[in-house]
Protein backbone atom coordinates (compact mmCIF):
# COMPACT_ATOMS: atom_id res chain seq x y z
CA MET A 1 194.26 108.88 122.03
CA GLN A 2 191.09 106.98 121.11
CA GLU A 3 191.27 103.94 118.90
CA PRO A 4 189.22 104.17 115.74
CA GLU A 5 185.95 102.22 115.70
CA LYS A 6 186.14 98.85 114.03
CA LEU A 7 184.18 98.91 110.82
CA PHE A 8 182.67 95.77 109.37
CA THR A 9 182.66 94.99 105.70
CA GLN A 10 179.40 93.88 104.11
CA GLU A 11 180.91 90.40 103.90
CA ASP A 12 181.51 90.41 107.68
CA VAL A 13 177.97 91.57 108.37
CA ASN A 14 176.51 88.91 106.05
CA ARG A 15 178.54 86.18 107.75
CA ILE A 16 177.56 87.34 111.24
CA VAL A 17 173.87 87.56 110.31
CA LYS A 18 173.98 84.13 108.67
CA GLU A 19 175.57 82.59 111.79
CA ARG A 20 173.01 84.19 114.09
CA LEU A 21 170.12 83.13 111.86
CA LYS A 22 171.42 79.57 111.85
CA ARG A 23 171.67 79.61 115.65
CA GLU A 24 168.15 81.06 116.04
CA ARG A 25 166.68 78.50 113.62
CA ARG A 26 168.34 75.70 115.60
CA LYS A 27 166.93 77.12 118.86
CA ARG A 28 163.46 77.35 117.30
CA ALA A 29 163.64 73.77 116.04
CA ASP A 30 164.75 72.58 119.48
CA LEU A 31 161.86 74.42 121.13
CA LEU A 32 159.33 73.01 118.66
CA ASN A 33 160.63 69.50 119.34
CA TYR A 34 160.38 70.12 123.07
CA ILE A 35 156.81 71.40 122.73
CA ALA A 36 155.86 68.30 120.70
CA TRP A 37 157.44 66.09 123.37
CA LEU A 38 155.54 67.92 126.14
CA GLU A 39 152.26 67.62 124.24
CA GLU A 40 152.85 63.87 123.90
CA LYS A 41 153.51 63.58 127.66
CA VAL A 42 150.30 65.51 128.45
CA LYS A 43 148.35 63.22 126.12
CA GLU A 44 149.85 60.13 127.80
CA ASN A 45 148.97 61.49 131.25
CA LYS A 46 145.39 62.28 130.20
CA GLU A 47 145.00 58.75 128.82
CA ALA A 48 146.49 57.24 131.98
CA MET A 49 144.16 59.30 134.18
CA SER A 50 141.08 58.33 132.16
CA ASP A 51 142.03 54.65 132.51
CA GLU A 52 141.91 54.89 136.30
């Protein structure tokens, strides 16, 4: 006999969505910080190369 599908309450769905949103925002912030760091490194390298 098949088990019935698990149904989520609206509260469950809201909590799950909120957790995923939080995780995605954190990932986005991390990526933006990484991009800023990379841009700084590129700028430093360009300056170093122009000094040569």
